[in-house]
């Protein structure tokens, strides 16, 4: 920004110097007399007359100076405008990405009122607030998780000690009667069941609710979602030569989180790109009672039927994903989001290796 300011100042100084030099040259030339020679014939004799006159064209001088002055004024106005509308707002927020990267999320961004940076700074501040909230939730979650694991680990120690005690007694043959041995074995099985219960609790709490997925349920129109999807994927899929089509539909008012619905559809289409054969992806629509059904089809499905019941489980990766990188969370997140919007999502394999994922959205 400093270089830009210096550049503008240099340009203005050069313009002023050009005006000064132009005026100096003009004035110096105007001081010189112009010589005019005329010929006359008088009484049979040819007479030559030499006249000296100064060049004083003040109108042209005024016009040139006026034009150059206007250029200087416009340059100054342009600089002031750019400085106020672009340079200053950008200077105010230039440190923000660096602060966010360092994890400094407590400094709010002052919202800019101009149309160029107003929405940008508002979005940056929203990002900062979301990151700050996510950080707080993550700290709270980690604390609760550690507390739970410590508590369950402590609870496991009691039945584990009992099993070790029973096992040692059996090893040293301390119980002579079969009835006593049977009682000890039952005690071991009981404590083993108790340990299994605690382990299941740990696994359950490790798998469920490990992602915070906030949803804001409001009313929105179907075309608000489909227009964004259509605009983005028409260009993207054209570059990879995949045929993409969106069936005609009746616009209607839906209930849920518009941005989350877009996220779900995007996730499904990205999977279609990733695991399909790249020939065709299409979106169809249907209705069922008070719901709107959005179905995404893709060709070249290699998923096995036995994988279908599990593809929405967390960390599950189907038989068709061996050559593709992934976490196994995409469809799980989609399922959780749709349930939070009182909707649903399911999948099936159709004839000719066509994979269909249907998203169920409630009507408002």
Protein backbone atom coordinates (compact mmCIF):
# COMPACT_ATOMS: atom_id res chain seq x y z
CA UNK A 1 0.00 0.00 0.00
CA UNK A 2 2.87 2.39 0.73
CA UNK A 3 4.34 1.68 -2.70
CA UNK A 4 0.99 2.52 -4.27
CA UNK A 5 0.82 5.84 -2.42
CA UNK A 6 4.39 6.68 -3.46
CA UNK A 7 3.58 5.82 -7.06
CA UNK A 8 0.53 8.15 -7.09
CA UNK A 9 2.52 10.97 -5.51
CA UNK A 10 5.30 10.57 -8.11
CA UNK A 11 2.72 10.65 -10.92
CA UNK A 12 1.18 13.88 -9.58
CA UNK A 13 4.61 15.51 -9.18
CA UNK A 14 5.53 14.52 -12.76
CA UNK A 15 2.29 16.01 -14.05
CA UNK A 16 2.99 19.30 -12.26
CA UNK A 17 6.56 19.32 -13.61
CA UNK A 18 5.27 18.74 -17.14
CA UNK A 19 2.91 21.71 -16.74
CA UNK A 20 5.74 23.90 -15.44
CA UNK A 21 8.17 22.87 -18.19
CA UNK A 22 5.54 23.32 -20.90
CA UNK A 23 4.73 26.81 -19.64
CA UNK A 24 8.41 27.75 -19.43
CA UNK A 25 9.12 26.62 -23.00
CA UNK A 26 6.04 28.41 -24.27
CA UNK A 27 6.92 31.69 -22.54
CA UNK A 28 10.50 31.56 -23.79
CA UNK A 29 9.33 31.02 -27.35
CA UNK A 30 6.75 33.78 -27.11
CA UNK A 31 9.49 36.31 -26.29
CA UNK A 32 11.17 35.71 -29.62
CA UNK A 33 10.02 37.94 -32.50
CA UNK A 34 8.68 36.38 -35.59
CA UNK A 35 10.09 37.88 -38.84
CA UNK A 36 7.71 38.30 -41.77
CA UNK A 37 9.02 39.37 -45.26
CA UNK A 38 6.56 40.88 -47.76
CA UNK A 39 7.04 41.96 -51.39
CA UNK A 40 5.45 45.04 -52.98
CA UNK A 41 5.75 46.67 -56.42
CA UNK A 42 5.61 50.48 -56.33
CA UNK A 43 6.31 52.86 -59.29
CA UNK A 44 7.85 50.02 -61.21
CA UNK A 45 10.16 49.13 -58.39
CA UNK A 46 10.07 46.00 -56.25
CA UNK A 47 10.18 46.76 -52.55
CA UNK A 48 10.77 44.12 -49.79
CA UNK A 49 9.32 44.87 -46.30
CA UNK A 50 10.47 43.13 -43.14
CA UNK A 51 7.98 43.16 -40.20
CA UNK A 52 8.74 42.00 -36.64
CA UNK A 53 5.83 40.86 -34.46
CA UNK A 54 5.67 38.88 -31.16
CA UNK A 55 3.73 35.63 -30.83
CA UNK A 56 1.14 36.06 -28.11
CA UNK A 57 -1.41 33.28 -28.47
CA UNK A 58 -2.76 33.39 -24.89
CA UNK A 59 -5.87 31.35 -25.69
CA UNK A 60 -3.90 28.20 -26.55
CA UNK A 61 -1.75 28.67 -23.47
CA UNK A 62 -4.85 28.84 -21.27
CA UNK A 63 -6.37 25.79 -22.97
CA UNK A 64 -3.26 23.67 -22.49
CA UNK A 65 -2.84 24.71 -18.85
CA UNK A 66 -6.52 24.11 -18.16
CA UNK A 67 -6.39 20.59 -19.63
CA UNK A 68 -3.28 19.68 -17.66
CA UNK A 69 -4.77 21.10 -14.47
CA UNK A 70 -7.90 18.99 -14.97
CA UNK A 71 -5.69 15.87 -15.35
CA UNK A 72 -3.91 16.67 -12.08
CA UNK A 73 -7.19 17.27 -10.25
CA UNK A 74 -8.65 14.00 -11.57
CA UNK A 75 -5.51 12.15 -10.49
CA UNK A 76 -5.82 13.58 -6.97
CA UNK A 77 -9.54 12.71 -6.78
CA UNK A 78 -8.84 9.17 -8.05
CA UNK A 79 -6.12 8.69 -5.44
CA UNK A 80 -8.37 9.97 -2.61
CA UNK A 81 -11.21 7.69 -3.74
CA UNK A 82 -9.02 4.58 -4.07
CA UNK A 83 -7.33 5.32 -0.75
CA UNK A 84 -10.64 5.73 1.07
CA UNK A 85 -12.63 2.93 -0.57
CA UNK A 86 -9.99 0.24 -1.13
CA UNK A 87 -6.61 0.89 0.47
CA UNK A 88 -7.80 1.96 3.93
CA UNK A 89 -10.39 -0.86 4.39
CA UNK A 90 -7.86 -3.41 3.16
CA UNK A 91 -5.21 -2.02 5.51
CA UNK A 92 -7.66 -2.38 8.41
CA UNK A 93 -8.19 -6.10 7.75
CA UNK A 94 -4.84 -7.17 6.27
CA UNK A 95 -3.65 -8.59 9.61
CA UNK A 96 -6.86 -10.55 10.24
CA UNK A 97 -5.99 -13.77 8.31
CA UNK A 98 -2.61 -13.83 10.08
CA UNK A 99 -4.29 -13.43 13.48
CA UNK A 100 -6.81 -16.17 12.66
CA UNK A 101 -3.98 -18.47 11.58
CA UNK A 102 -2.26 -17.88 14.93
CA UNK A 103 -5.49 -18.75 16.74
CA UNK A 104 -6.18 -15.22 17.97
CA UNK A 105 -9.97 -15.28 17.69
CA UNK A 106 -10.94 -12.65 20.26
CA UNK A 107 -10.40 -9.49 18.21
CA UNK A 108 -13.60 -8.50 16.32
CA UNK A 109 -13.41 -6.98 12.84
CA UNK A 110 -14.95 -3.57 12.40
CA UNK A 111 -17.59 -3.86 9.68
CA UNK A 112 -16.98 -1.68 6.63
CA UNK A 113 -19.93 0.27 5.23
CA UNK A 114 -18.74 0.50 1.63
CA UNK A 115 -20.09 -1.99 -0.87
CA UNK A 116 -16.67 -3.35 -1.83
CA UNK A 117 -15.56 -4.58 1.58
CA UNK A 118 -18.76 -4.52 3.66
CA UNK A 119 -19.85 -8.07 2.92
CA UNK A 120 -16.27 -9.32 2.94
CA UNK A 121 -15.48 -7.95 6.40
CA UNK A 122 -18.86 -9.15 7.69
CA UNK A 123 -18.08 -12.64 6.38
CA UNK A 124 -14.58 -12.56 7.90
CA UNK A 125 -16.02 -11.61 11.27
CA UNK A 126 -18.61 -14.39 11.00
CA UNK A 127 -15.77 -16.80 10.23
CA UNK A 128 -13.86 -15.55 13.25
CA UNK A 129 -16.91 -16.00 15.50
CA UNK A 130 -17.56 -19.51 14.15
CA UNK A 131 -13.94 -20.50 14.68
CA UNK A 132 -14.07 -19.09 18.18
CA UNK A 133 -17.31 -20.98 18.97
CA UNK A 134 -15.90 -24.19 17.48
CA UNK A 135 -12.76 -23.79 19.56
CA UNK A 136 -14.81 -23.39 22.75
CA UNK A 137 -16.98 -26.38 21.87
CA UNK A 138 -13.92 -28.47 21.05
CA UNK A 139 -12.31 -27.62 24.40
CA UNK A 140 -15.56 -28.46 26.20
CA UNK A 141 -15.93 -31.69 24.26
CA UNK A 142 -12.36 -32.77 24.91
CA UNK A 143 -12.81 -32.05 28.61
CA UNK A 144 -16.04 -34.07 28.78
CA UNK A 145 -14.46 -36.86 26.75
CA UNK A 146 -11.44 -37.11 29.03
CA UNK A 147 -13.67 -37.00 32.11
CA UNK A 148 -15.83 -39.81 30.70
CA UNK A 149 -12.85 -41.98 29.75
CA UNK A 150 -11.24 -41.46 33.17
CA UNK A 151 -14.51 -42.32 34.89
CA UNK A 152 -15.11 -45.45 32.81
CA UNK A 153 -11.47 -46.50 33.15
CA UNK A 154 -11.80 -46.22 36.91
CA UNK A 155 -15.02 -48.24 36.86
CA UNK A 156 -13.35 -50.98 34.82
CA UNK A 157 -10.65 -51.49 37.46
CA UNK A 158 -13.06 -53.06 39.98
CA UNK A 159 -14.39 -55.95 37.84
CA UNK A 160 -10.94 -56.38 36.29
CA UNK A 161 -9.41 -56.83 39.76
CA UNK A 162 -12.09 -59.36 40.61
CA UNK A 163 -11.36 -61.38 37.44
CA UNK A 164 -7.64 -61.36 38.19
CA UNK A 165 -8.33 -62.51 41.76
CA UNK A 166 -10.65 -65.34 40.62
CA UNK A 167 -8.18 -66.42 37.93
CA UNK A 168 -5.29 -66.53 40.39
CA UNK A 169 -7.38 -68.59 42.81
CA UNK A 170 -8.29 -71.07 40.07
CA UNK A 171 -4.66 -71.28 38.96
CA UNK A 172 -3.53 -72.11 42.51
CA UNK A 173 -6.39 -74.62 42.85
CA UNK A 174 -7.80 -72.95 45.96
CA UNK A 175 -11.33 -74.20 45.28
CA UNK A 176 -11.80 -77.90 45.87
CA UNK A 177 -15.48 -78.37 45.12
CA UNK A 178 -17.04 -78.15 41.63
CA UNK A 179 -19.82 -76.00 43.04
CA UNK A 180 -17.31 -73.39 44.26
CA UNK A 181 -15.45 -73.47 40.94
CA UNK A 182 -18.73 -72.96 39.07
CA UNK A 183 -19.53 -70.00 41.32
CA UNK A 184 -16.10 -68.48 40.62
CA UNK A 185 -16.52 -68.97 36.84
CA UNK A 186 -19.91 -67.26 36.99
CA UNK A 187 -18.28 -64.40 38.90
CA UNK A 188 -15.65 -64.08 36.15
CA UNK A 189 -18.32 -64.08 33.43
CA UNK A 190 -20.35 -61.46 35.31
CA UNK A 191 -17.35 -59.16 35.71
CA UNK A 192 -16.36 -59.75 32.09
CA UNK A 193 -19.88 -58.67 31.03
CA UNK A 194 -19.50 -55.57 33.17
CA UNK A 195 -16.18 -54.72 31.52
CA UNK A 196 -17.73 -55.30 28.09
CA UNK A 197 -20.49 -52.86 29.02
CA UNK A 198 -17.95 -50.16 29.93
CA UNK A 199 -15.96 -50.79 26.75
CA UNK A 200 -19.15 -50.45 24.69
CA UNK A 201 -19.84 -47.14 26.42
CA UNK A 202 -16.37 -45.91 25.49
CA UNK A 203 -16.81 -47.03 21.89
CA UNK A 204 -20.28 -45.51 21.71
CA UNK A 205 -19.12 -42.16 23.00
CA UNK A 206 -16.13 -42.26 20.69
CA UNK A 207 -18.28 -42.87 17.62
CA UNK A 208 -21.38 -40.78 18.34
CA UNK A 209 -21.63 -37.01 18.57
CA UNK A 210 -17.92 -36.56 17.86
CA UNK A 211 -18.84 -33.92 15.27
CA UNK A 212 -20.66 -30.74 16.18
CA UNK A 213 -23.11 -30.08 13.34
CA UNK A 214 -25.23 -27.01 14.13
CA UNK A 215 -28.34 -26.60 12.00
CA UNK A 216 -30.58 -23.54 11.70
CA UNK A 217 -34.04 -24.69 10.62
CA UNK A 218 -35.80 -21.99 8.59
CA UNK A 219 -37.94 -21.73 5.48
CA UNK A 220 -36.34 -21.55 2.03
CA UNK A 221 -37.29 -22.21 -1.59
CA UNK A 222 -36.10 -25.25 -3.50
CA UNK A 223 -34.76 -23.15 -6.40
CA UNK A 224 -32.38 -21.33 -3.99
CA UNK A 225 -30.61 -24.67 -3.51
CA UNK A 226 -30.84 -26.11 -7.02
CA UNK A 227 -29.72 -22.91 -8.77
CA UNK A 228 -26.46 -22.89 -6.78
CA UNK A 229 -25.88 -26.60 -7.41
CA UNK A 230 -26.66 -26.28 -11.12
CA UNK A 231 -24.44 -23.22 -11.62
CA UNK A 232 -21.45 -24.78 -9.87
CA UNK A 233 -21.56 -28.33 -11.24
CA UNK A 234 -22.51 -27.47 -14.84
CA UNK A 235 -19.11 -25.84 -15.33
CA UNK A 236 -17.17 -28.28 -13.15
CA UNK A 237 -18.53 -31.45 -14.77
CA UNK A 238 -18.20 -30.01 -18.26
CA UNK A 239 -14.44 -29.74 -17.77
CA UNK A 240 -14.20 -33.48 -16.99
CA UNK A 241 -16.66 -34.38 -19.81
CA UNK A 242 -19.35 -35.76 -17.50
CA UNK A 243 -22.93 -35.32 -18.69
CA UNK A 244 -24.84 -33.38 -16.02
CA UNK A 245 -28.56 -32.70 -16.09
CA UNK A 246 -31.20 -31.32 -13.72
CA UNK A 247 -34.81 -32.38 -14.29
CA UNK A 248 -37.50 -29.70 -14.43
CA UNK A 249 -39.17 -29.19 -11.07
CA UNK A 250 -41.92 -27.26 -9.33
CA UNK A 251 -40.51 -24.72 -6.95
CA UNK A 252 -41.81 -25.03 -3.40
CA UNK A 253 -41.14 -23.78 0.12
CA UNK A 254 -39.09 -26.17 2.23
CA UNK A 255 -38.10 -26.41 5.90
CA UNK A 256 -34.53 -26.81 7.10
CA UNK A 257 -31.13 -25.21 6.76
CA UNK A 258 -30.61 -24.09 3.15
CA UNK A 259 -26.82 -24.07 3.39
CA UNK A 260 -26.77 -27.50 5.03
CA UNK A 261 -29.01 -28.95 2.29
CA UNK A 262 -26.60 -27.55 -0.31
CA UNK A 263 -23.75 -29.16 1.64
CA UNK A 264 -25.51 -32.54 1.63
CA UNK A 265 -26.23 -32.43 -2.13
CA UNK A 266 -22.66 -31.34 -2.84
CA UNK A 267 -21.31 -34.21 -0.75
CA UNK A 268 -23.44 -36.73 -2.66
CA UNK A 269 -22.40 -35.32 -6.06
CA UNK A 270 -18.73 -35.32 -5.05
CA UNK A 271 -19.10 -39.01 -4.16
CA UNK A 272 -20.75 -39.59 -7.54
CA UNK A 273 -17.76 -37.97 -9.25
CA UNK A 274 -15.33 -39.93 -7.09
CA UNK A 275 -16.84 -43.40 -7.29
CA UNK A 276 -18.77 -43.31 -10.59
CA UNK A 277 -17.42 -43.92 -14.08
CA UNK A 278 -17.66 -40.22 -15.02
CA UNK A 279 -20.23 -40.69 -17.79
CA UNK A 280 -23.39 -39.19 -16.33
CA UNK A 281 -24.78 -37.55 -13.19
CA UNK A 282 -28.36 -36.29 -13.01
CA UNK A 283 -30.78 -34.87 -10.47
CA UNK A 284 -34.46 -35.82 -10.43
CA UNK A 285 -37.34 -34.72 -8.21
CA UNK A 286 -40.43 -36.34 -6.76
CA UNK A 287 -42.90 -35.81 -3.92
CA UNK A 288 -44.11 -37.99 -1.10
CA UNK A 289 -46.78 -36.75 1.33
CA UNK A 290 -45.36 -33.54 2.86
CA UNK A 291 -41.79 -34.09 1.62
CA UNK A 292 -39.78 -33.17 -1.45
CA UNK A 293 -37.45 -35.90 -2.68
CA UNK A 294 -34.23 -34.95 -4.47
CA UNK A 295 -32.54 -37.94 -6.13
CA UNK A 296 -28.99 -37.93 -7.47
CA UNK A 297 -28.05 -40.66 -9.96
CA UNK A 298 -24.64 -41.64 -11.26
CA UNK A 299 -23.49 -44.36 -13.61
CA UNK A 300 -20.73 -46.90 -13.05
CA UNK A 301 -21.59 -48.02 -9.52
CA UNK A 302 -19.20 -50.69 -8.17
CA UNK A 303 -20.64 -50.82 -4.65
CA UNK A 304 -21.82 -54.23 -3.48
CA UNK A 305 -25.34 -54.81 -2.16
CA UNK A 306 -24.02 -55.96 1.22
CA UNK A 307 -22.35 -52.55 1.67
CA UNK A 308 -25.60 -50.59 1.33
CA UNK A 309 -26.84 -50.94 4.95
CA UNK A 310 -23.55 -49.53 6.27
CA UNK A 311 -22.58 -46.68 3.93
CA UNK A 312 -24.13 -44.09 6.26
CA UNK A 313 -22.22 -45.39 9.30
CA UNK A 314 -19.33 -43.37 10.64
CA UNK A 315 -15.88 -44.36 9.35
CA UNK A 316 -17.36 -47.03 7.07
CA UNK A 317 -15.81 -47.35 3.64
CA UNK A 318 -17.36 -49.60 1.01
CA UNK A 319 -15.72 -52.20 -1.18
CA UNK A 320 -15.49 -49.65 -4.04
CA UNK A 321 -13.31 -47.24 -2.05
CA UNK A 322 -10.04 -49.15 -1.87
CA UNK A 323 -8.36 -47.03 -4.54
CA UNK A 324 -9.81 -43.73 -3.26
CA UNK A 325 -8.73 -41.69 -0.28
CA UNK A 326 -11.36 -40.74 2.29
CA UNK A 327 -12.40 -40.78 5.93
CA UNK A 328 -15.71 -42.60 5.69
CA UNK A 329 -17.51 -39.63 7.25
CA UNK A 330 -19.13 -37.89 4.27
CA UNK A 331 -22.40 -39.82 4.10
CA UNK A 332 -22.49 -40.16 7.90
CA UNK A 333 -22.46 -36.37 8.18
CA UNK A 334 -25.17 -36.14 5.51
CA UNK A 335 -27.36 -38.52 7.51
CA UNK A 336 -26.86 -36.61 10.76
CA UNK A 337 -27.62 -33.27 9.08
CA UNK A 338 -30.81 -34.52 7.42
CA UNK A 339 -32.05 -36.04 10.70
CA UNK A 340 -31.50 -32.68 12.43
CA UNK A 341 -33.68 -31.10 9.73
CA UNK A 342 -36.39 -33.73 10.27
CA UNK A 343 -35.50 -35.23 6.91
CA UNK A 344 -33.70 -38.33 5.75
CA UNK A 345 -31.30 -39.75 3.16
CA UNK A 346 -31.07 -43.25 1.73
CA UNK A 347 -29.44 -45.04 -1.19
CA UNK A 348 -30.03 -47.96 -3.51
CA UNK A 349 -28.40 -49.68 -6.47
CA UNK A 350 -30.51 -49.83 -9.62
CA UNK A 351 -30.16 -51.73 -12.88
CA UNK A 352 -27.19 -51.13 -15.19
CA UNK A 353 -24.96 -50.20 -12.22
CA UNK A 354 -26.78 -46.96 -11.50
CA UNK A 355 -26.37 -45.65 -7.97
CA UNK A 356 -29.19 -43.52 -6.56
CA UNK A 357 -29.08 -41.38 -3.41
CA UNK A 358 -32.36 -39.77 -2.37
CA UNK A 359 -32.55 -36.78 -0.01
CA UNK A 360 -35.84 -36.27 1.79
CA UNK A 361 -36.63 -32.63 2.69
CA UNK A 362 -39.69 -31.51 4.64
CA UNK A 363 -42.03 -28.97 3.08
CA UNK A 364 -42.70 -25.83 5.10
